[in-house]
PDB file of N, CA and C in Angstrom:
ATOM      1  N   MET A   1       0.836  -1.179   0.000  1.00  0.00           N
ATOM      2  CA  MET A   1       0.000   0.000   0.000  1.00  0.00           C
ATOM      3  C   MET A   1       0.887   1.251   0.000  1.00  0.00           C
ATOM      4  N   THR A   2       0.559   2.210  -0.813  1.00  0.00           N
ATOM      5  CA  THR A   2       1.276   3.477  -0.868  1.00  0.00           C
ATOM      6  C   THR A   2       0.956   4.285   0.382  1.00  0.00           C
ATOM      7  N   SER A   3       1.999   4.862   0.991  1.00  0.00           N
ATOM      8  CA  SER A   3       1.755   5.712   2.156  1.00  0.00           C
ATOM      9  C   SER A   3       2.814   6.802   2.245  1.00  0.00           C
ATOM     10  N   ILE A   4       2.430   7.897   2.870  1.00  0.00           N
ATOM     11  CA  ILE A   4       3.354   8.981   3.183  1.00  0.00           C
ATOM     12  C   ILE A   4       3.197   9.246   4.673  1.00  0.00           C
ATOM     13  N   ARG A   5       4.289   9.065   5.411  1.00  0.00           N
ATOM     14  CA  ARG A   5       4.286   9.296   6.855  1.00  0.00           C
ATOM     15  C   ARG A   5       5.318  10.370   7.171  1.00  0.00           C
ATOM     16  N   THR A   6       5.143  11.041   8.292  1.00  0.00           N
ATOM     17  CA  THR A   6       6.128  12.032   8.719  1.00  0.00           C
ATOM     18  C   THR A   6       6.869  11.518   9.935  1.00  0.00           C
ATOM     19  N   GLN A   7       8.143  11.806   9.980  1.00  0.00           N
ATOM     20  CA  GLN A   7       8.963  11.536  11.153  1.00  0.00           C
ATOM     21  C   GLN A   7       8.941  12.794  12.006  1.00  0.00           C
ATOM     22  N   PRO A   8       8.816  12.689  13.324  1.00  0.00           N
ATOM     23  CA  PRO A   8       8.882  13.895  14.150  1.00  0.00           C
ATOM     24  C   PRO A   8      10.199  14.626  13.889  1.00  0.00           C
ATOM     25  N   ASN A   9      10.101  15.891  13.500  1.00  0.00           N
ATOM     26  CA  ASN A   9      11.277  16.723  13.229  1.00  0.00           C
ATOM     27  C   ASN A   9      12.199  16.124  12.172  1.00  0.00           C
ATOM     28  N   GLY A  10      11.644  15.329  11.270  1.00  0.00           N
ATOM     29  CA  GLY A  10      12.450  14.669  10.251  1.00  0.00           C
ATOM     30  C   GLY A  10      11.746  14.611   8.913  1.00  0.00           C
ATOM     31  N   PRO A  11      12.145  13.635   8.073  1.00  0.00           N
ATOM     32  CA  PRO A  11      11.682  13.582   6.686  1.00  0.00           C
ATOM     33  C   PRO A  11      10.285  12.993   6.522  1.00  0.00           C
ATOM     34  N   TYR A  12       9.805  13.061   5.259  1.00  0.00           N
ATOM     35  CA  TYR A  12       8.635  12.304   4.857  1.00  0.00           C
ATOM     36  C   TYR A  12       9.122  10.896   4.524  1.00  0.00           C
ATOM     37  N   LEU A  13       8.418   9.875   4.995  1.00  0.00           N
ATOM     38  CA  LEU A  13       8.710   8.493   4.634  1.00  0.00           C
ATOM     39  C   LEU A  13       7.668   8.077   3.600  1.00  0.00           C
ATOM     40  N   VAL A  14       8.109   7.834   2.371  1.00  0.00           N
ATOM     41  CA  VAL A  14       7.208   7.511   1.273  1.00  0.00           C
ATOM     42  C   VAL A  14       7.416   6.041   0.916  1.00  0.00           C
ATOM     43  N   THR A  15       6.346   5.256   1.046  1.00  0.00           N
ATOM     44  CA  THR A  15       6.407   3.832   0.755  1.00  0.00           C
ATOM     45  C   THR A  15       5.610   3.545  -0.508  1.00  0.00           C
ATOM     46  N   GLY A  16       6.243   2.842  -1.447  1.00  0.00           N
ATOM     47  CA  GLY A  16       5.644   2.553  -2.734  1.00  0.00           C
ATOM     48  C   GLY A  16       4.667   1.404  -2.688  1.00  0.00           C
ATOM     49  N   PRO A  17       3.993   1.202  -3.812  1.00  0.00           N
ATOM     50  CA  PRO A  17       4.387   1.663  -5.134  1.00  0.00           C
ATOM     51  C   PRO A  17       3.921   3.091  -5.414  1.00  0.00           C
ATOM     52  N   ILE A  18       4.846   3.876  -5.947  1.00  0.00           N
ATOM     53  CA  ILE A  18       4.535   5.258  -6.308  1.00  0.00           C
ATOM     54  C   ILE A  18       5.597   5.761  -7.280  1.00  0.00           C
ATOM     55  N   SER A  19       5.222   6.708  -8.124  1.00  0.00           N
ATOM     56  CA  SER A  19       6.179   7.386  -9.005  1.00  0.00           C
ATOM     57  C   SER A  19       6.307   8.819  -8.521  1.00  0.00           C
ATOM     58  N   ILE A  20       7.546   9.302  -8.455  1.00  0.00           N
ATOM     59  CA  ILE A  20       7.829  10.677  -8.046  1.00  0.00           C
ATOM     60  C   ILE A  20       8.432  11.383  -9.243  1.00  0.00           C
ATOM     61  N   GLU A  21       7.855  12.517  -9.639  1.00  0.00           N
ATOM     62  CA  GLU A  21       8.309  13.256 -10.809  1.00  0.00           C
ATOM     63  C   GLU A  21       9.011  14.539 -10.378  1.00  0.00           C
ATOM     64  N   ASP A  22      10.224  14.791 -10.923  1.00  0.00           N
ATOM     65  CA  ASP A  22      10.927  16.030 -10.601  1.00  0.00           C
ATOM     66  C   ASP A  22      10.479  17.146 -11.530  1.00  0.00           C
ATOM     67  N   VAL A  23      11.044  18.340 -11.352  1.00  0.00           N
ATOM     68  CA  VAL A  23      10.619  19.509 -12.129  1.00  0.00           C
ATOM     69  C   VAL A  23      10.937  19.389 -13.616  1.00  0.00           C
ATOM     70  N   GLU A  24      11.870  18.510 -13.976  1.00  0.00           N
ATOM     71  CA  GLU A  24      12.222  18.300 -15.377  1.00  0.00           C
ATOM     72  C   GLU A  24      11.436  17.162 -16.012  1.00  0.00           C
ATOM     73  N   GLY A  25      10.501  16.573 -15.238  1.00  0.00           N
ATOM     74  CA  GLY A  25       9.686  15.488 -15.765  1.00  0.00           C
ATOM     75  C   GLY A  25      10.293  14.109 -15.628  1.00  0.00           C
ATOM     76  N   ASN A  26      11.448  14.003 -14.973  1.00  0.00           N
ATOM     77  CA  ASN A  26      12.075  12.700 -14.754  1.00  0.00           C
ATOM     78  C   ASN A  26      11.309  11.959 -13.662  1.00  0.00           C
ATOM     79  N   LEU A  27      11.079  10.673 -13.883  1.00  0.00           N
ATOM     80  CA  LEU A  27      10.339   9.863 -12.924  1.00  0.00           C
ATOM     81  C   LEU A  27      11.257   8.934 -12.154  1.00  0.00           C
ATOM     82  N   VAL A  28      10.996   8.823 -10.874  1.00  0.00           N
ATOM     83  CA  VAL A  28      11.634   7.824 -10.026  1.00  0.00           C
ATOM     84  C   VAL A  28      10.511   6.917  -9.563  1.00  0.00           C
ATOM     85  N   THR A  29      10.658   5.621  -9.802  1.00  0.00           N
ATOM     86  CA  THR A  29       9.645   4.665  -9.378  1.00  0.00           C
ATOM     87  C   THR A  29      10.092   4.018  -8.078  1.00  0.00           C
ATOM     88  N   VAL A  30       9.248   4.118  -7.082  1.00  0.00           N
ATOM     89  CA  VAL A  30       9.499   3.474  -5.797  1.00  0.00           C
ATOM     90  C   VAL A  30       8.663   2.197  -5.796  1.00  0.00           C
ATOM     91  N   GLU A  31       9.320   1.063  -5.743  1.00  0.00           N
ATOM     92  CA  GLU A  31       8.637  -0.219  -5.842  1.00  0.00           C
ATOM     93  C   GLU A  31       7.798  -0.502  -4.606  1.00  0.00           C
ATOM     94  N   ALA A  32       6.819  -1.380  -4.754  1.00  0.00           N
ATOM     95  CA  ALA A  32       5.945  -1.768  -3.645  1.00  0.00           C
ATOM     96  C   ALA A  32       6.780  -2.244  -2.454  1.00  0.00           C
ATOM     97  N   GLY A  33       6.465  -1.717  -1.289  1.00  0.00           N
ATOM     98  CA  GLY A  33       7.159  -2.115  -0.065  1.00  0.00           C
ATOM     99  C   GLY A  33       8.465  -1.383   0.193  1.00  0.00           C
ATOM    100  N   ARG A  34       9.009  -0.677  -0.794  1.00  0.00           N
ATOM    101  CA  ARG A  34      10.259   0.077  -0.606  1.00  0.00           C
ATOM    102  C   ARG A  34       9.919   1.462  -0.075  1.00  0.00           C
ATOM    103  N   THR A  35      10.764   1.987   0.812  1.00  0.00           N
ATOM    104  CA  THR A  35      10.540   3.303   1.407  1.00  0.00           C
ATOM    105  C   THR A  35      11.708   4.218   1.089  1.00  0.00           C
ATOM    106  N   VAL A  36      11.403   5.458   0.697  1.00  0.00           N
ATOM    107  CA  VAL A  36      12.424   6.491   0.534  1.00  0.00           C
ATOM    108  C   VAL A  36      12.107   7.620   1.503  1.00  0.00           C
ATOM    109  N   LYS A  37      13.139   8.355   1.896  1.00  0.00           N
ATOM    110  CA  LYS A  37      12.977   9.483   2.796  1.00  0.00           C
ATOM    111  C   LYS A  37      13.148  10.767   2.005  1.00  0.00           C
ATOM    112  N   LEU A  38      12.117  11.620   2.020  1.00  0.00           N
ATOM    113  CA  LEU A  38      12.167  12.888   1.305  1.00  0.00           C
ATOM    114  C   LEU A  38      12.362  14.030   2.288  1.00  0.00           C
ATOM    115  N   CYS A  39      13.236  14.964   1.926  1.00  0.00           N
ATOM    116  CA  CYS A  39      13.567  16.102   2.764  1.00  0.00           C
ATOM    117  C   CYS A  39      12.330  16.944   3.066  1.00  0.00           C
ATOM    118  N   ARG A  40      12.203  17.323   4.314  1.00  0.00           N
ATOM    119  CA  ARG A  40      11.116  18.204   4.722  1.00  0.00           C
ATOM    120  C   ARG A  40      11.651  19.510   5.287  1.00  0.00           C
ATOM    121  N   CYS A  41      12.938  19.544   5.662  1.00  0.00           N
ATOM    122  CA  CYS A  41      13.498  20.744   6.284  1.00  0.00           C
ATOM    123  C   CYS A  41      13.997  21.760   5.256  1.00  0.00           C
ATOM    124  N   GLY A  42      14.286  21.301   4.025  1.00  0.00           N
ATOM    125  CA  GLY A  42      14.766  22.189   2.975  1.00  0.00           C
ATOM    126  C   GLY A  42      16.268  22.373   2.952  1.00  0.00           C
ATOM    127  N   HIS A  43      17.011  21.664   3.810  1.00  0.00           N
ATOM    128  CA  HIS A  43      18.459  21.869   3.896  1.00  0.00           C
ATOM    129  C   HIS A  43      19.295  20.711   3.360  1.00  0.00           C
ATOM    130  N   SER A  44      18.678  19.637   2.900  1.00  0.00           N
ATOM    131  CA  SER A  44      19.422  18.479   2.424  1.00  0.00           C
ATOM    132  C   SER A  44      20.272  18.831   1.205  1.00  0.00           C
ATOM    133  N   ALA A  45      21.476  18.284   1.145  1.00  0.00           N
ATOM    134  CA  ALA A  45      22.338  18.442  -0.025  1.00  0.00           C
ATOM    135  C   ALA A  45      21.968  17.423  -1.100  1.00  0.00           C
ATOM    136  N   MET A  46      21.051  16.510  -0.792  1.00  0.00           N
ATOM    137  CA  MET A  46      20.645  15.455  -1.728  1.00  0.00           C
ATOM    138  C   MET A  46      19.178  15.598  -2.140  1.00  0.00           C
ATOM    139  N   LYS A  47      18.637  16.811  -2.098  1.00  0.00           N
ATOM    140  CA  LYS A  47      17.217  17.009  -2.415  1.00  0.00           C
ATOM    141  C   LYS A  47      16.837  16.281  -3.696  1.00  0.00           C
ATOM    142  N   PRO A  48      15.699  15.646  -3.743  1.00  0.00           N
ATOM    143  CA  PRO A  48      14.623  15.705  -2.771  1.00  0.00           C
ATOM    144  C   PRO A  48      14.778  14.731  -1.610  1.00  0.00           C
ATOM    145  N   TYR A  49      15.881  13.975  -1.584  1.00  0.00           N
ATOM    146  CA  TYR A  49      16.065  12.972  -0.544  1.00  0.00           C
ATOM    147  C   TYR A  49      16.655  13.580   0.729  1.00  0.00           C
ATOM    148  N   CYS A  50      16.348  12.965   1.839  1.00  0.00           N
ATOM    149  CA  CYS A  50      16.864  13.396   3.142  1.00  0.00           C
ATOM    150  C   CYS A  50      18.293  12.890   3.317  1.00  0.00           C
ATOM    151  N   ASP A  51      19.166  13.750   3.833  1.00  0.00           N
ATOM    152  CA  ASP A  51      20.533  13.334   4.151  1.00  0.00           C
ATOM    153  C   ASP A  51      20.836  13.485   5.642  1.00  0.00           C
ATOM    154  N   GLY A  52      19.803  13.739   6.448  1.00  0.00           N
ATOM    155  CA  GLY A  52      19.971  13.858   7.897  1.00  0.00           C
ATOM    156  C   GLY A  52      20.310  15.250   8.379  1.00  0.00           C
ATOM    157  N   THR A  53      20.384  16.226   7.475  1.00  0.00           N
ATOM    158  CA  THR A  53      20.743  17.593   7.854  1.00  0.00           C
ATOM    159  C   THR A  53      19.753  18.195   8.842  1.00  0.00           C
ATOM    160  N   HIS A  54      18.502  17.707   8.845  1.00  0.00           N
ATOM    161  CA  HIS A  54      17.493  18.250   9.758  1.00  0.00           C
ATOM    162  C   HIS A  54      17.959  18.197  11.213  1.00  0.00           C
ATOM    163  N   ARG A  55      18.782  17.217  11.555  1.00  0.00           N
ATOM    164  CA  ARG A  55      19.310  17.124  12.927  1.00  0.00           C
ATOM    165  C   ARG A  55      20.276  18.280  13.218  1.00  0.00           C
ATOM    166  N   ARG A  56      21.140  18.588  12.246  1.00  0.00           N
ATOM    167  CA  ARG A  56      22.152  19.632  12.429  1.00  0.00           C
ATOM    168  C   ARG A  56      21.535  21.024  12.502  1.00  0.00           C
ATOM    169  N   VAL A  57      20.449  21.241  11.732  1.00  0.00           N
ATOM    170  CA  VAL A  57      19.840  22.575  11.694  1.00  0.00           C
ATOM    171  C   VAL A  57      18.691  22.715  12.704  1.00  0.00           C
ATOM    172  N   ASP A  58      18.491  21.675  13.530  1.00  0.00           N
ATOM    173  CA  ASP A  58      17.437  21.685  14.554  1.00  0.00           C
ATOM    174  C   ASP A  58      16.055  21.954  13.969  1.00  0.00           C
ATOM    175  N   PHE A  59      15.742  21.269  12.861  1.00  0.00           N
ATOM    176  CA  PHE A  59      14.423  21.388  12.236  1.00  0.00           C
ATOM    177  C   PHE A  59      13.351  20.938  13.224  1.00  0.00           C
ATOM    178  N   VAL A  60      12.299  21.732  13.353  1.00  0.00           N
ATOM    179  CA  VAL A  60      11.172  21.393  14.219  1.00  0.00           C
ATOM    180  C   VAL A  60       9.908  21.385  13.359  1.00  0.00           C
ATOM    181  N   SER A  61       9.243  20.253  13.344  1.00  0.00           N
ATOM    182  CA  SER A  61       8.030  20.111  12.542  1.00  0.00           C
ATOM    183  C   SER A  61       6.794  20.381  13.384  1.00  0.00           C
ATOM    184  N   ARG A  62       5.682  20.546  12.700  1.00  0.00           N
ATOM    185  CA  ARG A  62       4.412  20.651  13.414  1.00  0.00           C
ATOM    186  C   ARG A  62       4.084  19.286  14.007  1.00  0.00           C
ATOM    187  N   PRO A  63       3.469  19.253  15.178  1.00  0.00           N
ATOM    188  CA  PRO A  63       3.204  17.955  15.808  1.00  0.00           C
ATOM    189  C   PRO A  63       2.130  17.127  15.105  1.00  0.00           C
ATOM    190  N   THR A  64       1.211  17.764  14.391  1.00  0.00           N
ATOM    191  CA  THR A  64       0.158  17.025  13.703  1.00  0.00           C
ATOM    192  C   THR A  64      -0.053  17.591  12.311  1.00  0.00           C
ATOM    193  N   PHE A  65      -0.699  16.810  11.483  1.00  0.00           N
ATOM    194  CA  PHE A  65      -1.008  17.203  10.114  1.00  0.00           C
ATOM    195  C   PHE A  65      -2.419  17.772  10.076  1.00  0.00           C
ATOM    196  N   THR A  66      -2.550  18.968   9.562  1.00  0.00           N
ATOM    197  CA  THR A  66      -3.857  19.589   9.392  1.00  0.00           C
ATOM    198  C   THR A  66      -4.068  19.839   7.907  1.00  0.00           C
ATOM    199  N   PRO A  67      -5.057  19.166   7.305  1.00  0.00           N
ATOM    200  CA  PRO A  67      -5.296  19.376   5.868  1.00  0.00           C
ATOM    201  C   PRO A  67      -5.686  20.819   5.572  1.00  0.00           C
ATOM    202  N   GLU A  68      -5.317  21.260   4.375  1.00  0.00           N
ATOM    203  CA  GLU A  68      -5.736  22.603   3.940  1.00  0.00           C
ATOM    204  C   GLU A  68      -7.226  22.593   3.698  1.00  0.00           C
ATOM    205  N   PRO A  69      -7.897  23.715   3.933  1.00  0.00           N
ATOM    206  CA  PRO A  69      -9.339  23.764   3.665  1.00  0.00           C
ATOM    207  C   PRO A  69      -9.634  23.556   2.186  1.00  0.00           C
ATOM    208  N   VAL A  70     -10.714  22.896   1.896  1.00  0.00           N
ATOM    209  CA  VAL A  70     -11.130  22.655   0.523  1.00  0.00           C
ATOM    210  C   VAL A  70     -11.942  23.858   0.044  1.00  0.00           C
ATOM    211  N   GLU A  71     -11.504  24.433  -1.078  1.00  0.00           N
ATOM    212  CA  GLU A  71     -12.241  25.565  -1.640  1.00  0.00           C
ATOM    213  C   GLU A  71     -13.385  25.026  -2.486  1.00  0.00           C
ATOM    214  N   ARG A  72     -14.543  25.572  -2.294  1.00  0.00           N
ATOM    215  CA  ARG A  72     -15.722  25.132  -3.048  1.00  0.00           C
ATOM    216  C   ARG A  72     -16.155  26.231  -3.983  1.00  0.00           C
ATOM    217  N   ALA A  73     -16.443  25.838  -5.188  1.00  0.00           N
ATOM    218  CA  ALA A  73     -16.829  26.814  -6.212  1.00  0.00           C
ATOM    219  C   ALA A  73     -18.250  27.301  -6.026  1.00  0.00           C
TER     220      ALA A  73
END
């Protein structure tokens, strides 16, 4: 099952199957059951992947996820 989880004060954990597309249209396929860590702090030298820099820069995340309001036409 595809899932996106957050680590407290850390990266997004994305578990496939899923395809991730970069700004140039290149696709990375994450196979079923495989997990990649995506940077959430904005400081990784390996963007979009996490390299652990969030620990060095003392990144603090929100404790819970609040969905954006849905705009209705």
